[in-house]
Structure formats: structure tokens, C-alpha cells
Amino acid sequence: MNDNIVVDENYKGVKVVGATYIIEGYLYCKGDLSCEGNLICEGNLSCKGNLICKGDLYCKGNLICEGNLICEGNLICKGNLICEGNLICEGNLICKGDLSCKGYLYCKGDLSCEGNLICEGNLSCKGNLICKGDLICKGDLSCEGYLICKGNLICKGDLYCKGNLICEGNLKIRNEITKTYLRINGTTPYRVVITDKHIKIGCQYHSKKEWARFTNKEILRMDGKKALKLWNKNKQWILMIG
């Protein structure tokens, strides 16, 4: 077996239907794997290098990629999905099992995981994000649509959700377990996020007690006169909500 594999009409054992290449058994690649069209794998798919699919990628078993995984279409995995590098999906990403990504995870469409979702880096979803298990992100988590987590949601970095956020388990942001997650956009030039114990304004993340005690000089050091003017104007209602 060659280290690198290109799945096309010349690949041994492939069934070609239009621009779709069907592997009726499992697929193992010792090096990089690339496919110029849609790729359907009826069994498990294991790639020791990078995996690049120019169309849709459909795996009916477990999908393991030890390098970067780039899918320019939709990515559907009926089993567990493990990516040791970065995972980039330009379409929708659907995982029927657990999803684990050791790098950053970027999804341009909707992201759905029926098991647990663990991302060691930053997680960015341009659509809606639904996780039916626990969702653990060790970097920043950004969702442009709504975010629904049926289990616990743990985010070690910053959490930004443009739509509604529903968490049916515990919600832990940074190291704080919180029942409150209030995001306020547009009222000030800075994004304001309020949890049970903390307030984040722009890049400044402090406890509510610290915000209440900050002097004008301390606010000036954060971002100059603009920050001081805006803080004095909005301080009362931010602390009241907090």
C-alpha cells in the first residue's frame, strides 16, 4: 500500500457514481488521503496523515484522522469522529457518536453531535450548534447561531453565542459554574458578558466586586479615555444587572 492515497476512478476497489467515490469496505491510509469529489466509506476510515475531501464526506463507521481534516462539503460520521489535528468543515458537520478534536474546530454550517464533543483548541461554528452529550471546549467557543447542549457545557476560554444559548446541564465558563449567561451587544462598543460572579467587557474579565471598586485611573489604564467615558456612562446599569 502506498503511503499517500488519491481516491479517484483509478483507485482499486472504488465504485464511481458520477462525482462520488464509494469504498464498500474500510479505508486505511498510511499517509495523506485526498478525494476530488464526494467520498463514501461503508466501513471505518483511518488516515495517518492529512485528509482532504473536495466534496461531501460520509463515513458509516468510525472516522480517525491523525493529521488535519479538511472537508469542503458536508461531513457526516455515523460512528465516532477523532481528529488529532485541526478540523475544518465548509458545510454541515454531523457526528452520530462522540467527536474529539485535538486542534481547533471550524464549521461553516450547522454542527450536530449526538455524543460528547471535546475540542482541545478553539471551536467556531457559523451556524447552529447542537450537542446531545457534554460539550467541552478548552479554548474559546464561538457560535453564530443558537447553541443547545443537552449535557454539561464547559468552556475554558471565552464563550460567545450570537443566538440563544440553552444548557440542560451545568454551565461552566472559565472556572466558574454559572446559572447566568447574559450577552449584551450594541449598547456599547465593547461586548458585555455577565455571569453569576463575573463581568467581561471587551477583553477585560473581572469579578463583579472588582468592577465596582475600580478607580478612574484603573479604568483609564485599561483602554484610555474612551473606556473611562463609557464606563462612567454605563457603570450603573451594568452593575445593577450583574
Protein backbone atom coordinates (compact mmCIF):
# COMPACT_ATOMS: atom_id res chain seq x y z
CA MET A 1 0.00 0.00 0.00
CA ASN A 2 1.28 3.46 -0.87
CA ASP A 3 1.78 5.94 1.91
CA ASN A 4 -0.41 8.53 0.18
CA ILE A 5 -3.77 7.80 -1.44
CA VAL A 6 -5.71 9.74 -4.03
CA VAL A 7 -9.27 8.44 -4.34
CA ASP A 8 -10.33 8.70 -8.00
CA GLU A 9 -11.60 6.39 -10.74
CA ASN A 10 -8.21 4.63 -10.79
CA TYR A 11 -8.23 3.73 -7.10
CA LYS A 12 -8.51 -0.04 -6.62
CA GLY A 13 -11.83 -1.18 -5.17
CA VAL A 14 -13.64 2.12 -5.64
CA LYS A 15 -17.16 2.32 -7.05
CA VAL A 16 -17.67 5.52 -9.05
CA VAL A 17 -21.14 7.10 -9.32
CA GLY A 18 -20.88 10.50 -11.01
CA ALA A 19 -18.57 12.59 -8.84
CA THR A 20 -18.99 10.21 -5.88
CA TYR A 21 -16.42 7.58 -4.92
CA ILE A 22 -17.70 4.68 -2.81
CA ILE A 23 -15.45 2.45 -0.73
CA GLU A 24 -17.53 -0.64 0.14
CA GLY A 25 -15.29 -1.79 2.98
CA TYR A 26 -12.98 0.03 5.39
CA LEU A 27 -10.38 2.53 4.20
CA TYR A 28 -6.90 2.74 5.74
CA CYS A 29 -4.32 5.27 4.60
CA LYS A 30 -0.78 5.33 5.98
CA GLY A 31 -0.09 8.83 4.64
CA ASP A 32 -2.24 11.66 3.29
CA LEU A 33 -5.65 10.96 1.78
CA SER A 34 -7.29 13.22 -0.81
CA CYS A 35 -10.52 12.96 -2.77
CA GLU A 36 -11.54 15.34 -5.56
CA GLY A 37 -15.27 14.58 -5.27
CA ASN A 38 -17.67 13.10 -2.73
CA LEU A 39 -16.35 10.21 -0.66
CA ILE A 40 -18.50 7.47 0.91
CA CYS A 41 -16.85 4.89 3.14
CA GLU A 42 -19.08 1.95 4.10
CA GLY A 43 -16.82 0.94 6.99
CA ASN A 44 -14.28 2.62 9.23
CA LEU A 45 -11.97 5.25 7.80
CA SER A 46 -8.49 5.70 9.25
CA CYS A 47 -5.94 8.20 7.95
CA LYS A 48 -2.47 8.57 9.47
CA GLY A 49 -1.79 11.85 7.68
CA ASN A 50 -3.97 14.70 6.45
CA LEU A 51 -7.39 14.05 4.97
CA ILE A 52 -8.75 16.43 2.32
CA CYS A 53 -12.14 15.93 0.66
CA LYS A 54 -13.26 18.39 -2.02
CA GLY A 55 -16.91 17.28 -1.77
CA ASP A 56 -19.07 15.63 0.88
CA LEU A 57 -17.51 13.07 3.20
CA TYR A 58 -19.75 10.29 4.51
CA CYS A 59 -18.35 7.62 6.84
CA LYS A 60 -20.66 4.85 8.07
CA GLY A 61 -18.19 3.69 10.71
CA ASN A 62 -15.64 5.45 12.88
CA LEU A 63 -13.50 8.17 11.32
CA ILE A 64 -9.97 8.69 12.64
CA CYS A 65 -7.61 11.29 11.22
CA GLU A 66 -4.18 11.77 12.79
CA GLY A 67 -3.46 14.92 10.81
CA ASN A 68 -5.66 17.79 9.70
CA LEU A 69 -9.11 17.02 8.35
CA ILE A 70 -10.49 19.39 5.71
CA CYS A 71 -13.90 18.81 4.14
CA GLU A 72 -15.15 21.31 1.58
CA GLY A 73 -18.68 19.89 1.66
CA ASN A 74 -20.80 18.27 4.36
CA LEU A 75 -19.17 15.85 6.78
CA ILE A 76 -21.30 13.01 8.17
CA CYS A 77 -19.92 10.36 10.51
CA LYS A 78 -22.17 7.55 11.76
CA GLY A 79 -19.66 6.48 14.40
CA ASN A 80 -17.10 8.31 16.49
CA LEU A 81 -15.02 11.05 14.89
CA ILE A 82 -11.47 11.61 16.13
CA CYS A 83 -9.21 14.28 14.65
CA GLU A 84 -5.69 14.65 16.05
CA GLY A 85 -5.10 17.90 14.14
CA ASN A 86 -7.37 20.74 13.08
CA LEU A 87 -10.84 20.02 11.73
CA ILE A 88 -12.31 22.32 9.07
CA CYS A 89 -15.74 21.69 7.57
CA GLU A 90 -17.09 24.10 4.96
CA GLY A 91 -20.58 22.59 5.10
CA ASN A 92 -22.63 20.98 7.87
CA LEU A 93 -20.96 18.60 10.30
CA ILE A 94 -22.97 15.70 11.73
CA CYS A 95 -21.49 13.16 14.14
CA LYS A 96 -23.69 10.34 15.45
CA GLY A 97 -21.13 9.30 18.07
CA ASP A 98 -18.51 11.17 20.10
CA LEU A 99 -16.49 13.92 18.46
CA SER A 100 -12.94 14.67 19.58
CA CYS A 101 -10.66 17.31 18.06
CA LYS A 102 -7.14 17.94 19.35
CA GLY A 103 -6.68 21.19 17.39
CA TYR A 104 -9.16 23.89 16.53
CA LEU A 105 -12.55 23.07 15.07
CA TYR A 106 -14.21 25.27 12.44
CA CYS A 107 -17.62 24.58 10.95
CA LYS A 108 -19.12 26.94 8.37
CA GLY A 109 -22.58 25.38 8.61
CA ASP A 110 -24.50 23.69 11.40
CA LEU A 111 -22.71 21.36 13.81
CA SER A 112 -24.57 18.43 15.38
CA CYS A 113 -23.08 15.87 17.75
CA GLU A 114 -25.18 13.10 19.32
CA GLY A 115 -22.45 12.09 21.76
CA ASN A 116 -19.88 14.08 23.70
CA LEU A 117 -17.97 16.83 21.93
CA ILE A 118 -14.43 17.63 23.10
CA CYS A 119 -12.31 20.30 21.44
CA GLU A 120 -8.79 20.95 22.73
CA GLY A 121 -8.45 24.26 20.85
CA ASN A 122 -10.86 26.97 19.78
CA LEU A 123 -14.27 25.98 18.45
CA SER A 124 -16.01 28.19 15.89
CA CYS A 125 -19.44 27.40 14.42
CA LYS A 126 -21.01 29.78 11.89
CA GLY A 127 -24.39 28.05 12.10
CA ASN A 128 -26.29 26.36 14.91
CA LEU A 129 -24.53 24.05 17.35
CA ILE A 130 -26.36 21.12 18.96
CA CYS A 131 -24.65 18.68 21.32
CA LYS A 132 -26.69 15.90 22.94
CA GLY A 133 -23.91 14.94 25.34
CA ASP A 134 -21.33 17.01 27.20
CA LEU A 135 -19.59 19.82 25.35
CA ILE A 136 -16.05 20.61 26.49
CA CYS A 137 -14.03 23.34 24.80
CA LYS A 138 -10.55 24.05 26.16
CA GLY A 139 -10.17 27.21 24.09
CA ASP A 140 -12.64 29.90 23.04
CA LEU A 141 -16.10 28.86 21.86
CA SER A 142 -17.91 30.96 19.27
CA CYS A 143 -21.35 30.20 17.82
CA GLU A 144 -23.08 32.49 15.31
CA GLY A 145 -26.43 30.69 15.60
CA TYR A 146 -28.15 29.13 18.59
CA LEU A 147 -26.31 26.73 20.92
CA ILE A 148 -28.08 23.80 22.56
CA CYS A 149 -26.25 21.46 24.92
CA LYS A 150 -28.21 18.58 26.49
CA GLY A 151 -25.40 17.76 28.90
CA ASN A 152 -22.80 19.86 30.69
CA LEU A 153 -21.14 22.74 28.85
CA ILE A 154 -17.58 23.56 29.91
CA CYS A 155 -15.64 26.33 28.20
CA LYS A 156 -12.12 27.04 29.44
CA GLY A 157 -11.83 30.23 27.39
CA ASP A 158 -14.32 32.87 26.31
CA LEU A 159 -17.81 31.87 25.23
CA TYR A 160 -19.69 33.87 22.58
CA CYS A 161 -23.12 32.86 21.33
CA LYS A 162 -24.94 35.21 18.96
CA GLY A 163 -28.24 33.33 19.21
CA ASN A 164 -29.99 31.67 22.13
CA LEU A 165 -27.96 29.51 24.50
CA ILE A 166 -29.67 26.54 26.17
CA CYS A 167 -27.72 24.28 28.52
CA GLU A 168 -29.62 21.49 30.28
CA GLY A 169 -26.66 20.54 32.48
CA ASN A 170 -24.09 22.63 34.32
CA LEU A 171 -22.69 25.66 32.51
CA LYS A 172 -19.05 26.37 33.38
CA ILE A 173 -17.24 29.31 31.79
CA ARG A 174 -13.54 29.61 32.57
CA ASN A 175 -13.50 28.20 36.12
CA GLU A 176 -16.94 29.43 37.19
CA ILE A 177 -20.08 27.32 37.34
CA THR A 178 -22.84 29.76 36.46
CA LYS A 179 -26.61 29.80 36.02
CA THR A 180 -26.44 33.24 34.42
CA TYR A 181 -25.12 33.94 30.95
CA LEU A 182 -26.17 37.32 29.64
CA ARG A 183 -24.64 38.74 26.48
CA ILE A 184 -25.22 42.39 25.59
CA ASN A 185 -24.23 43.68 22.15
CA GLY A 186 -24.66 47.10 20.60
CA THR A 187 -25.22 49.11 23.77
CA THR A 188 -21.53 49.95 23.98
CA PRO A 189 -18.64 49.47 21.50
CA TYR A 190 -17.50 46.65 23.80
CA ARG A 191 -19.16 43.27 24.08
CA VAL A 192 -20.54 42.82 27.61
CA VAL A 193 -20.93 39.32 29.11
CA ILE A 194 -22.36 38.80 32.59
CA THR A 195 -22.27 35.55 34.58
CA ASP A 196 -23.10 34.80 38.21
CA LYS A 197 -19.83 36.17 39.58
CA HIS A 198 -18.02 37.92 36.74
CA ILE A 199 -18.42 40.63 34.14
CA LYS A 200 -16.43 40.72 30.90
CA ILE A 201 -16.32 43.99 28.97
CA GLY A 202 -14.27 43.78 25.79
CA CYS A 203 -11.17 41.84 26.81
CA GLN A 204 -11.39 42.83 30.49
CA TYR A 205 -12.65 39.96 32.67
CA HIS A 206 -13.09 40.66 36.39
CA SER A 207 -15.34 39.78 39.29
CA LYS A 208 -18.36 41.98 39.94
CA LYS A 209 -16.80 43.22 43.16
CA GLU A 210 -13.62 44.25 41.31
CA TRP A 211 -15.61 46.20 38.72
CA ALA A 212 -17.49 48.04 41.45
CA ARG A 213 -14.20 49.03 43.15
CA PHE A 214 -12.20 50.13 40.09
CA THR A 215 -11.00 53.73 40.22
CA ASN A 216 -10.99 56.12 37.26
CA LYS A 217 -7.21 55.68 36.95
CA GLU A 218 -7.57 51.89 36.72
CA ILE A 219 -10.25 52.16 34.02
CA LEU A 220 -8.04 54.64 32.10
CA ARG A 221 -5.20 52.10 32.09
CA MET A 222 -7.49 49.52 30.52
CA ASP A 223 -8.29 51.39 27.30
CA GLY A 224 -7.83 55.13 27.76
CA LYS A 225 -10.31 58.00 27.93
CA LYS A 226 -12.85 56.25 25.70
CA ALA A 227 -13.13 53.38 28.20
CA LEU A 228 -13.48 55.75 31.16
CA LYS A 229 -16.21 57.79 29.46
CA LEU A 230 -18.19 54.69 28.52
CA TRP A 231 -17.73 53.09 31.94
CA ASN A 232 -18.99 56.15 33.80
CA LYS A 233 -21.95 56.32 31.44
CA ASN A 234 -22.90 52.62 31.68
CA LYS A 235 -21.49 51.55 35.05
CA GLN A 236 -24.74 51.84 36.99
CA TRP A 237 -26.92 49.63 34.79
CA ILE A 238 -24.16 47.06 34.16
CA LEU A 239 -23.58 46.58 37.88
CA MET A 240 -27.33 46.60 38.52
CA ILE A 241 -27.90 43.79 36.02
CA GLY A 242 -24.85 41.94 37.34
